[in-house]
């Protein structure tokens, strides 16, 4: 799990740098985005999709970013990555005696 989160964080930090933030600013922005989001998810009984909807204004910046992610089928890639990791875990267990 943490490897997936760090991968996503790396990508967001890279995007921030390409948009003009320096490395330190990008890392701080990404770290606090993840920290705040995770804290909200832990404290809330709402579903993750509801939380996402609550912070996404139609036509806003988050909406535009999510639309680009949907266009590139990022969610499908994440699901496939998790399934590949699971399949490898089963392989590593080997046959049961």
PDB file of N, CA and C in Angstrom:
ATOM      1  N   UNK A   1       0.772  -1.203   0.000  1.00  0.00           N
ATOM      2  CA  UNK A   1       0.000   0.000   0.000  1.00  0.00           C
ATOM      3  C   UNK A   1       0.824   1.283   0.000  1.00  0.00           C
ATOM      4  N   UNK A   2       1.773   1.428   0.905  1.00  0.00           N
ATOM      5  CA  UNK A   2       2.527   2.676   0.943  1.00  0.00           C
ATOM      6  C   UNK A   2       3.266   2.967  -0.363  1.00  0.00           C
ATOM      7  N   UNK A   3       3.735   1.928  -1.039  1.00  0.00           N
ATOM      8  CA  UNK A   3       4.416   2.140  -2.312  1.00  0.00           C
ATOM      9  C   UNK A   3       3.511   2.812  -3.332  1.00  0.00           C
ATOM     10  N   UNK A   4       2.230   2.432  -3.329  1.00  0.00           N
ATOM     11  CA  UNK A   4       1.264   3.050  -4.250  1.00  0.00           C
ATOM     12  C   UNK A   4       1.069   4.523  -3.899  1.00  0.00           C
ATOM     13  N   UNK A   5       0.962   4.794  -2.608  1.00  0.00           N
ATOM     14  CA  UNK A   5       0.760   6.177  -2.161  1.00  0.00           C
ATOM     15  C   UNK A   5       1.971   7.026  -2.524  1.00  0.00           C
ATOM     16  N   UNK A   6       3.163   6.510  -2.274  1.00  0.00           N
ATOM     17  CA  UNK A   6       4.370   7.273  -2.604  1.00  0.00           C
ATOM     18  C   UNK A   6       4.490   7.494  -4.115  1.00  0.00           C
ATOM     19  N   UNK A   7       4.073   6.528  -4.900  1.00  0.00           N
ATOM     20  CA  UNK A   7       4.087   6.664  -6.365  1.00  0.00           C
ATOM     21  C   UNK A   7       3.179   7.818  -6.794  1.00  0.00           C
ATOM     22  N   UNK A   8       1.994   7.865  -6.231  1.00  0.00           N
ATOM     23  CA  UNK A   8       1.040   8.941  -6.521  1.00  0.00           C
ATOM     24  C   UNK A   8       1.615  10.284  -6.052  1.00  0.00           C
ATOM     25  N   UNK A   9       2.221  10.292  -4.877  1.00  0.00           N
ATOM     26  CA  UNK A   9       2.827  11.521  -4.348  1.00  0.00           C
ATOM     27  C   UNK A   9       3.958  11.999  -5.255  1.00  0.00           C
ATOM     28  N   UNK A  10       4.791  11.066  -5.718  1.00  0.00           N
ATOM     29  CA  UNK A  10       5.880  11.421  -6.630  1.00  0.00           C
ATOM     30  C   UNK A  10       5.335  12.114  -7.882  1.00  0.00           C
ATOM     31  N   UNK A  11       4.272  11.542  -8.428  1.00  0.00           N
ATOM     32  CA  UNK A  11       3.691  12.097  -9.653  1.00  0.00           C
ATOM     33  C   UNK A  11       3.139  13.501  -9.411  1.00  0.00           C
ATOM     34  N   UNK A  12       2.466  13.698  -8.287  1.00  0.00           N
ATOM     35  CA  UNK A  12       1.933  15.021  -7.977  1.00  0.00           C
ATOM     36  C   UNK A  12       3.054  16.030  -7.733  1.00  0.00           C
ATOM     37  N   UNK A  13       4.120  15.605  -7.077  1.00  0.00           N
ATOM     38  CA  UNK A  13       5.254  16.498  -6.848  1.00  0.00           C
ATOM     39  C   UNK A  13       5.908  16.876  -8.176  1.00  0.00           C
ATOM     40  N   UNK A  14       6.020  15.910  -9.077  1.00  0.00           N
ATOM     41  CA  UNK A  14       6.581  16.196 -10.397  1.00  0.00           C
ATOM     42  C   UNK A  14       5.707  17.218 -11.124  1.00  0.00           C
ATOM     43  N   UNK A  15       4.396  17.028 -11.071  1.00  0.00           N
ATOM     44  CA  UNK A  15       3.483  17.976 -11.710  1.00  0.00           C
ATOM     45  C   UNK A  15       3.637  19.370 -11.110  1.00  0.00           C
ATOM     46  N   UNK A  16       3.734  19.431  -9.777  1.00  0.00           N
ATOM     47  CA  UNK A  16       3.889  20.730  -9.114  1.00  0.00           C
ATOM     48  C   UNK A  16       5.168  21.425  -9.576  1.00  0.00           C
ATOM     49  N   UNK A  17       6.254  20.668  -9.705  1.00  0.00           N
ATOM     50  CA  UNK A  17       7.516  21.255 -10.169  1.00  0.00           C
ATOM     51  C   UNK A  17       7.402  21.725 -11.614  1.00  0.00           C
ATOM     52  N   UNK A  18       6.717  20.956 -12.437  1.00  0.00           N
ATOM     53  CA  UNK A  18       6.531  21.364 -13.831  1.00  0.00           C
ATOM     54  C   UNK A  18       5.659  22.618 -13.933  1.00  0.00           C
ATOM     55  N   UNK A  19       4.860  22.860 -12.900  1.00  0.00           N
ATOM     56  CA  UNK A  19       4.007  24.043 -12.868  1.00  0.00           C
ATOM     57  C   UNK A  19       4.671  25.239 -12.182  1.00  0.00           C
ATOM     58  N   UNK A  20       5.948  25.066 -11.770  1.00  0.00           N
ATOM     59  CA  UNK A  20       6.692  26.207 -11.256  1.00  0.00           C
ATOM     60  C   UNK A  20       7.058  26.183  -9.785  1.00  0.00           C
ATOM     61  N   UNK A  21       6.607  25.186  -9.041  1.00  0.00           N
ATOM     62  CA  UNK A  21       7.001  25.076  -7.636  1.00  0.00           C
ATOM     63  C   UNK A  21       8.410  24.503  -7.574  1.00  0.00           C
ATOM     64  N   UNK A  22       9.188  24.933  -6.568  1.00  0.00           N
ATOM     65  CA  UNK A  22      10.493  24.305  -6.403  1.00  0.00           C
ATOM     66  C   UNK A  22      10.293  22.961  -5.689  1.00  0.00           C
ATOM     67  N   UNK A  23      11.373  22.191  -5.575  1.00  0.00           N
ATOM     68  CA  UNK A  23      11.267  20.835  -5.017  1.00  0.00           C
ATOM     69  C   UNK A  23      10.708  20.834  -3.591  1.00  0.00           C
ATOM     70  N   UNK A  24      11.178  21.750  -2.766  1.00  0.00           N
ATOM     71  CA  UNK A  24      10.718  21.840  -1.381  1.00  0.00           C
ATOM     72  C   UNK A  24       9.237  22.211  -1.304  1.00  0.00           C
ATOM     73  N   UNK A  25       8.842  23.188  -2.096  1.00  0.00           N
ATOM     74  CA  UNK A  25       7.437  23.599  -2.107  1.00  0.00           C
ATOM     75  C   UNK A  25       6.539  22.468  -2.607  1.00  0.00           C
ATOM     76  N   UNK A  26       6.991  21.780  -3.640  1.00  0.00           N
ATOM     77  CA  UNK A  26       6.205  20.674  -4.195  1.00  0.00           C
ATOM     78  C   UNK A  26       6.015  19.571  -3.160  1.00  0.00           C
ATOM     79  N   UNK A  27       7.085  19.232  -2.474  1.00  0.00           N
ATOM     80  CA  UNK A  27       6.995  18.172  -1.462  1.00  0.00           C
ATOM     81  C   UNK A  27       6.060  18.589  -0.332  1.00  0.00           C
ATOM     82  N   UNK A  28       6.179  19.821   0.124  1.00  0.00           N
ATOM     83  CA  UNK A  28       5.323  20.304   1.203  1.00  0.00           C
ATOM     84  C   UNK A  28       3.852  20.303   0.768  1.00  0.00           C
ATOM     85  N   UNK A  29       3.589  20.761  -0.430  1.00  0.00           N
ATOM     86  CA  UNK A  29       2.232  20.780  -0.957  1.00  0.00           C
ATOM     87  C   UNK A  29       1.642  19.370  -1.011  1.00  0.00           C
ATOM     88  N   UNK A  30       2.413  18.444  -1.553  1.00  0.00           N
ATOM     89  CA  UNK A  30       1.948  17.064  -1.678  1.00  0.00           C
ATOM     90  C   UNK A  30       1.785  16.413  -0.305  1.00  0.00           C
ATOM     91  N   UNK A  31       2.780  16.575   0.570  1.00  0.00           N
ATOM     92  CA  UNK A  31       2.690  15.967   1.905  1.00  0.00           C
ATOM     93  C   UNK A  31       1.444  16.435   2.651  1.00  0.00           C
ATOM     94  N   UNK A  32       1.187  17.725   2.614  1.00  0.00           N
ATOM     95  CA  UNK A  32       0.037  18.252   3.353  1.00  0.00           C
ATOM     96  C   UNK A  32      -1.283  17.891   2.693  1.00  0.00           C
ATOM     97  N   UNK A  33      -1.287  17.765   1.382  1.00  0.00           N
ATOM     98  CA  UNK A  33      -2.493  17.317   0.691  1.00  0.00           C
ATOM     99  C   UNK A  33      -2.849  15.905   1.128  1.00  0.00           C
ATOM    100  N   UNK A  34      -1.862  15.031   1.160  1.00  0.00           N
ATOM    101  CA  UNK A  34      -2.118  13.645   1.558  1.00  0.00           C
ATOM    102  C   UNK A  34      -2.440  13.538   3.042  1.00  0.00           C
ATOM    103  N   UNK A  35      -1.716  14.271   3.862  1.00  0.00           N
ATOM    104  CA  UNK A  35      -1.959  14.242   5.299  1.00  0.00           C
ATOM    105  C   UNK A  35      -3.377  14.723   5.621  1.00  0.00           C
ATOM    106  N   UNK A  36      -3.771  15.837   5.046  1.00  0.00           N
ATOM    107  CA  UNK A  36      -5.105  16.372   5.296  1.00  0.00           C
ATOM    108  C   UNK A  36      -6.189  15.458   4.774  1.00  0.00           C
ATOM    109  N   UNK A  37      -5.991  14.907   3.589  1.00  0.00           N
ATOM    110  CA  UNK A  37      -6.984  14.014   2.995  1.00  0.00           C
ATOM    111  C   UNK A  37      -7.131  12.734   3.813  1.00  0.00           C
ATOM    112  N   UNK A  38      -6.014  12.154   4.210  1.00  0.00           N
ATOM    113  CA  UNK A  38      -6.064  10.930   5.006  1.00  0.00           C
ATOM    114  C   UNK A  38      -6.699  11.187   6.363  1.00  0.00           C
ATOM    115  N   UNK A  39      -6.375  12.309   6.979  1.00  0.00           N
ATOM    116  CA  UNK A  39      -6.975  12.655   8.276  1.00  0.00           C
ATOM    117  C   UNK A  39      -8.485  12.788   8.152  1.00  0.00           C
ATOM    118  N   UNK A  40      -8.944  13.451   7.105  1.00  0.00           N
ATOM    119  CA  UNK A  40     -10.377  13.601   6.891  1.00  0.00           C
ATOM    120  C   UNK A  40     -11.033  12.242   6.680  1.00  0.00           C
ATOM    121  N   UNK A  41     -10.414  11.378   5.894  1.00  0.00           N
ATOM    122  CA  UNK A  41     -10.973  10.047   5.639  1.00  0.00           C
ATOM    123  C   UNK A  41     -11.063   9.221   6.923  1.00  0.00           C
ATOM    124  N   UNK A  42     -10.036   9.311   7.769  1.00  0.00           N
ATOM    125  CA  UNK A  42     -10.022   8.554   9.027  1.00  0.00           C
ATOM    126  C   UNK A  42     -11.103   9.052   9.978  1.00  0.00           C
ATOM    127  N   UNK A  43     -11.329  10.344  10.001  1.00  0.00           N
ATOM    128  CA  UNK A  43     -12.282  10.945  10.938  1.00  0.00           C
ATOM    129  C   UNK A  43     -13.731  10.871  10.463  1.00  0.00           C
ATOM    130  N   UNK A  44     -13.952  10.554   9.197  1.00  0.00           N
ATOM    131  CA  UNK A  44     -15.291  10.594   8.632  1.00  0.00           C
ATOM    132  C   UNK A  44     -15.872   9.195   8.455  1.00  0.00           C
ATOM    133  N   UNK A  45     -17.181   9.099   8.607  1.00  0.00           N
ATOM    134  CA  UNK A  45     -17.885   7.850   8.333  1.00  0.00           C
ATOM    135  C   UNK A  45     -18.398   7.812   6.901  1.00  0.00           C
ATOM    136  N   UNK A  46     -18.202   8.915   6.168  1.00  0.00           N
ATOM    137  CA  UNK A  46     -18.678   8.972   4.790  1.00  0.00           C
ATOM    138  C   UNK A  46     -17.788   8.125   3.885  1.00  0.00           C
ATOM    139  N   UNK A  47     -18.365   7.655   2.777  1.00  0.00           N
ATOM    140  CA  UNK A  47     -17.592   6.873   1.816  1.00  0.00           C
ATOM    141  C   UNK A  47     -16.528   7.763   1.167  1.00  0.00           C
ATOM    142  N   UNK A  48     -15.513   7.122   0.626  1.00  0.00           N
ATOM    143  CA  UNK A  48     -14.464   7.871  -0.056  1.00  0.00           C
ATOM    144  C   UNK A  48     -15.030   8.619  -1.265  1.00  0.00           C
ATOM    145  N   UNK A  49     -15.982   8.016  -1.959  1.00  0.00           N
ATOM    146  CA  UNK A  49     -16.566   8.705  -3.110  1.00  0.00           C
ATOM    147  C   UNK A  49     -17.344   9.938  -2.669  1.00  0.00           C
ATOM    148  N   UNK A  50     -18.020   9.857  -1.520  1.00  0.00           N
ATOM    149  CA  UNK A  50     -18.741  11.027  -1.001  1.00  0.00           C
ATOM    150  C   UNK A  50     -17.757  12.127  -0.621  1.00  0.00           C
ATOM    151  N   UNK A  51     -16.665  11.756   0.030  1.00  0.00           N
ATOM    152  CA  UNK A  51     -15.653  12.757   0.397  1.00  0.00           C
ATOM    153  C   UNK A  51     -15.091  13.421  -0.855  1.00  0.00           C
ATOM    154  N   UNK A  52     -14.809  12.617  -1.881  1.00  0.00           N
ATOM    155  CA  UNK A  52     -14.297  13.178  -3.136  1.00  0.00           C
ATOM    156  C   UNK A  52     -15.306  14.144  -3.741  1.00  0.00           C
ATOM    157  N   UNK A  53     -16.565  13.755  -3.759  1.00  0.00           N
ATOM    158  CA  UNK A  53     -17.601  14.622  -4.313  1.00  0.00           C
ATOM    159  C   UNK A  53     -17.721  15.937  -3.536  1.00  0.00           C
ATOM    160  N   UNK A  54     -17.538  15.876  -2.217  1.00  0.00           N
ATOM    161  CA  UNK A  54     -17.659  17.075  -1.381  1.00  0.00           C
ATOM    162  C   UNK A  54     -16.575  18.116  -1.661  1.00  0.00           C
ATOM    163  N   UNK A  55     -15.423  17.663  -2.152  1.00  0.00           N
ATOM    164  CA  UNK A  55     -14.327  18.602  -2.416  1.00  0.00           C
ATOM    165  C   UNK A  55     -14.165  18.908  -3.906  1.00  0.00           C
ATOM    166  N   UNK A  56     -15.123  18.446  -4.702  1.00  0.00           N
ATOM    167  CA  UNK A  56     -15.059  18.638  -6.149  1.00  0.00           C
ATOM    168  C   UNK A  56     -16.206  19.523  -6.615  1.00  0.00           C
ATOM    169  N   UNK A  57     -15.883  20.747  -6.996  1.00  0.00           N
ATOM    170  CA  UNK A  57     -16.892  21.668  -7.542  1.00  0.00           C
ATOM    171  C   UNK A  57     -17.017  21.422  -9.037  1.00  0.00           C
ATOM    172  N   UNK A  58     -18.258  21.274  -9.508  1.00  0.00           N
ATOM    173  CA  UNK A  58     -18.471  21.098 -10.958  1.00  0.00           C
ATOM    174  C   UNK A  58     -17.844  22.275 -11.698  1.00  0.00           C
ATOM    175  N   UNK A  59     -17.019  21.964 -12.656  1.00  0.00           N
ATOM    176  CA  UNK A  59     -16.361  23.005 -13.438  1.00  0.00           C
ATOM    177  C   UNK A  59     -15.134  23.608 -12.773  1.00  0.00           C
ATOM    178  N   UNK A  60     -14.790  23.125 -11.570  1.00  0.00           N
ATOM    179  CA  UNK A  60     -13.641  23.664 -10.849  1.00  0.00           C
ATOM    180  C   UNK A  60     -12.341  22.968 -11.209  1.00  0.00           C
ATOM    181  N   UNK A  61     -11.301  23.310 -10.479  1.00  0.00           N
ATOM    182  CA  UNK A  61      -9.976  22.777 -10.775  1.00  0.00           C
ATOM    183  C   UNK A  61      -9.877  21.276 -10.498  1.00  0.00           C
ATOM    184  N   UNK A  62     -10.430  20.840  -9.378  1.00  0.00           N
ATOM    185  CA  UNK A  62     -10.393  19.411  -9.057  1.00  0.00           C
ATOM    186  C   UNK A  62     -11.189  18.624 -10.085  1.00  0.00           C
ATOM    187  N   UNK A  63     -12.335  19.149 -10.473  1.00  0.00           N
ATOM    188  CA  UNK A  63     -13.164  18.497 -11.490  1.00  0.00           C
ATOM    189  C   UNK A  63     -12.372  18.323 -12.784  1.00  0.00           C
ATOM    190  N   UNK A  64     -11.670  19.378 -13.210  1.00  0.00           N
ATOM    191  CA  UNK A  64     -10.882  19.305 -14.439  1.00  0.00           C
ATOM    192  C   UNK A  64      -9.788  18.239 -14.326  1.00  0.00           C
ATOM    193  N   UNK A  65      -9.126  18.204 -13.183  1.00  0.00           N
ATOM    194  CA  UNK A  65      -8.082  17.204 -12.976  1.00  0.00           C
ATOM    195  C   UNK A  65      -8.630  15.791 -12.961  1.00  0.00           C
ATOM    196  N   UNK A  66      -9.754  15.599 -12.289  1.00  0.00           N
ATOM    197  CA  UNK A  66     -10.363  14.267 -12.239  1.00  0.00           C
ATOM    198  C   UNK A  66     -10.829  13.814 -13.614  1.00  0.00           C
ATOM    199  N   UNK A  67     -11.341  14.733 -14.405  1.00  0.00           N
ATOM    200  CA  UNK A  67     -11.763  14.384 -15.767  1.00  0.00           C
ATOM    201  C   UNK A  67     -10.571  13.906 -16.591  1.00  0.00           C
ATOM    202  N   UNK A  68      -9.420  14.550 -16.434  1.00  0.00           N
ATOM    203  CA  UNK A  68      -8.220  14.118 -17.141  1.00  0.00           C
ATOM    204  C   UNK A  68      -7.791  12.727 -16.669  1.00  0.00           C
ATOM    205  N   UNK A  69      -7.886  12.473 -15.370  1.00  0.00           N
ATOM    206  CA  UNK A  69      -7.535  11.148 -14.845  1.00  0.00           C
ATOM    207  C   UNK A  69      -8.488  10.083 -15.379  1.00  0.00           C
ATOM    208  N   UNK A  70      -9.781  10.408 -15.445  1.00  0.00           N
ATOM    209  CA  UNK A  70     -10.762   9.465 -16.004  1.00  0.00           C
ATOM    210  C   UNK A  70     -10.457   9.189 -17.474  1.00  0.00           C
ATOM    211  N   UNK A  71     -10.140  10.227 -18.220  1.00  0.00           N
ATOM    212  CA  UNK A  71      -9.822  10.086 -19.648  1.00  0.00           C
ATOM    213  C   UNK A  71      -8.672   9.105 -19.854  1.00  0.00           C
ATOM    214  N   UNK A  72      -7.706   9.144 -18.948  1.00  0.00           N
ATOM    215  CA  UNK A  72      -6.546   8.263 -19.043  1.00  0.00           C
ATOM    216  C   UNK A  72      -6.718   6.963 -18.259  1.00  0.00           C
ATOM    217  N   UNK A  73      -7.912   6.731 -17.763  1.00  0.00           N
ATOM    218  CA  UNK A  73      -8.271   5.491 -17.062  1.00  0.00           C
ATOM    219  C   UNK A  73      -7.315   5.151 -15.919  1.00  0.00           C
ATOM    220  N   UNK A  74      -6.979   6.174 -15.143  1.00  0.00           N
ATOM    221  CA  UNK A  74      -6.043   5.992 -14.033  1.00  0.00           C
ATOM    222  C   UNK A  74      -6.597   5.017 -12.999  1.00  0.00           C
ATOM    223  N   UNK A  75      -7.880   5.107 -12.692  1.00  0.00           N
ATOM    224  CA  UNK A  75      -8.474   4.200 -11.699  1.00  0.00           C
ATOM    225  C   UNK A  75      -8.322   2.746 -12.135  1.00  0.00           C
ATOM    226  N   UNK A  76      -8.531   2.485 -13.418  1.00  0.00           N
ATOM    227  CA  UNK A  76      -8.363   1.121 -13.922  1.00  0.00           C
ATOM    228  C   UNK A  76      -6.929   0.643 -13.730  1.00  0.00           C
ATOM    229  N   UNK A  77      -5.971   1.516 -13.970  1.00  0.00           N
ATOM    230  CA  UNK A  77      -4.571   1.165 -13.785  1.00  0.00           C
ATOM    231  C   UNK A  77      -4.250   0.846 -12.332  1.00  0.00           C
ATOM    232  N   UNK A  78      -4.845   1.601 -11.417  1.00  0.00           N
ATOM    233  CA  UNK A  78      -4.630   1.357  -9.991  1.00  0.00           C
ATOM    234  C   UNK A  78      -5.198   0.002  -9.586  1.00  0.00           C
ATOM    235  N   UNK A  79      -6.408  -0.286 -10.058  1.00  0.00           N
ATOM    236  CA  UNK A  79      -7.040  -1.582  -9.762  1.00  0.00           C
ATOM    237  C   UNK A  79      -6.193  -2.722 -10.317  1.00  0.00           C
ATOM    238  N   UNK A  80      -5.742  -2.585 -11.550  1.00  0.00           N
ATOM    239  CA  UNK A  80      -4.913  -3.634 -12.155  1.00  0.00           C
ATOM    240  C   UNK A  80      -3.598  -3.802 -11.406  1.00  0.00           C
ATOM    241  N   UNK A  81      -3.020  -2.706 -10.934  1.00  0.00           N
ATOM    242  CA  UNK A  81      -1.795  -2.795 -10.148  1.00  0.00           C
ATOM    243  C   UNK A  81      -2.003  -3.566  -8.858  1.00  0.00           C
ATOM    244  N   UNK A  82      -3.107  -3.299  -8.174  1.00  0.00           N
ATOM    245  CA  UNK A  82      -3.414  -4.016  -6.933  1.00  0.00           C
ATOM    246  C   UNK A  82      -3.627  -5.505  -7.204  1.00  0.00           C
ATOM    247  N   UNK A  83      -4.302  -5.819  -8.302  1.00  0.00           N
ATOM    248  CA  UNK A  83      -4.536  -7.232  -8.658  1.00  0.00           C
ATOM    249  C   UNK A  83      -3.224  -7.935  -8.999  1.00  0.00           C
ATOM    250  N   UNK A  84      -2.322  -7.224  -9.681  1.00  0.00           N
ATOM    251  CA  UNK A  84      -1.021  -7.812 -10.014  1.00  0.00           C
ATOM    252  C   UNK A  84      -0.214  -8.089  -8.752  1.00  0.00           C
ATOM    253  N   UNK A  85      -0.261  -7.177  -7.802  1.00  0.00           N
ATOM    254  CA  UNK A  85       0.452  -7.377  -6.537  1.00  0.00           C
ATOM    255  C   UNK A  85      -0.127  -8.569  -5.776  1.00  0.00           C
ATOM    256  N   UNK A  86      -1.453  -8.674  -5.784  1.00  0.00           N
ATOM    257  CA  UNK A  86      -2.112  -9.796  -5.113  1.00  0.00           C
ATOM    258  C   UNK A  86      -1.696 -11.121  -5.767  1.00  0.00           C
ATOM    259  N   UNK A  87      -1.717 -11.171  -7.094  1.00  0.00           N
ATOM    260  CA  UNK A  87      -1.341 -12.394  -7.805  1.00  0.00           C
ATOM    261  C   UNK A  87       0.102 -12.777  -7.484  1.00  0.00           C
ATOM    262  N   UNK A  88       0.971 -11.785  -7.410  1.00  0.00           N
ATOM    263  CA  UNK A  88       2.374 -12.074  -7.081  1.00  0.00           C
ATOM    264  C   UNK A  88       2.508 -12.575  -5.652  1.00  0.00           C
ATOM    265  N   UNK A  89       1.727 -12.024  -4.732  1.00  0.00           N
ATOM    266  CA  UNK A  89       1.753 -12.495  -3.340  1.00  0.00           C
ATOM    267  C   UNK A  89       1.358 -13.969  -3.266  1.00  0.00           C
ATOM    268  N   UNK A  90       0.355 -14.351  -4.040  1.00  0.00           N
ATOM    269  CA  UNK A  90      -0.072 -15.758  -4.077  1.00  0.00           C
ATOM    270  C   UNK A  90       1.056 -16.636  -4.638  1.00  0.00           C
ATOM    271  N   UNK A  91       1.699 -16.166  -5.704  1.00  0.00           N
ATOM    272  CA  UNK A  91       2.830 -16.910  -6.292  1.00  0.00           C
ATOM    273  C   UNK A  91       3.948 -17.099  -5.276  1.00  0.00           C
ATOM    274  N   UNK A  92       4.249 -16.046  -4.531  1.00  0.00           N
ATOM    275  CA  UNK A  92       5.346 -16.102  -3.565  1.00  0.00           C
ATOM    276  C   UNK A  92       5.048 -17.047  -2.402  1.00  0.00           C
ATOM    277  N   UNK A  93       3.770 -17.266  -2.122  1.00  0.00           N
ATOM    278  CA  UNK A  93       3.409 -18.207  -1.054  1.00  0.00           C
ATOM    279  C   UNK A  93       3.762 -19.628  -1.441  1.00  0.00           C
ATOM    280  N   UNK A  94       3.734 -19.908  -2.732  1.00  0.00           N
ATOM    281  CA  UNK A  94       4.028 -21.251  -3.201  1.00  0.00           C
ATOM    282  C   UNK A  94       2.904 -22.212  -2.881  1.00  0.00           C
ATOM    283  N   UNK A  95       3.089 -23.442  -3.298  1.00  0.00           N
ATOM    284  CA  UNK A  95       2.035 -24.449  -3.044  1.00  0.00           C
ATOM    285  C   UNK A  95       1.915 -24.750  -1.560  1.00  0.00           C
ATOM    286  N   UNK A  96       0.690 -24.981  -1.158  1.00  0.00           N
ATOM    287  CA  UNK A  96       0.456 -25.319   0.266  1.00  0.00           C
ATOM    288  C   UNK A  96       0.666 -26.820   0.451  1.00  0.00           C
ATOM    289  N   UNK A  97       1.314 -27.179   1.553  1.00  0.00           N
ATOM    290  CA  UNK A  97       1.602 -28.621   1.794  1.00  0.00           C
ATOM    291  C   UNK A  97       0.346 -29.404   2.060  1.00  0.00           C
TER     292      UNK A  97
END
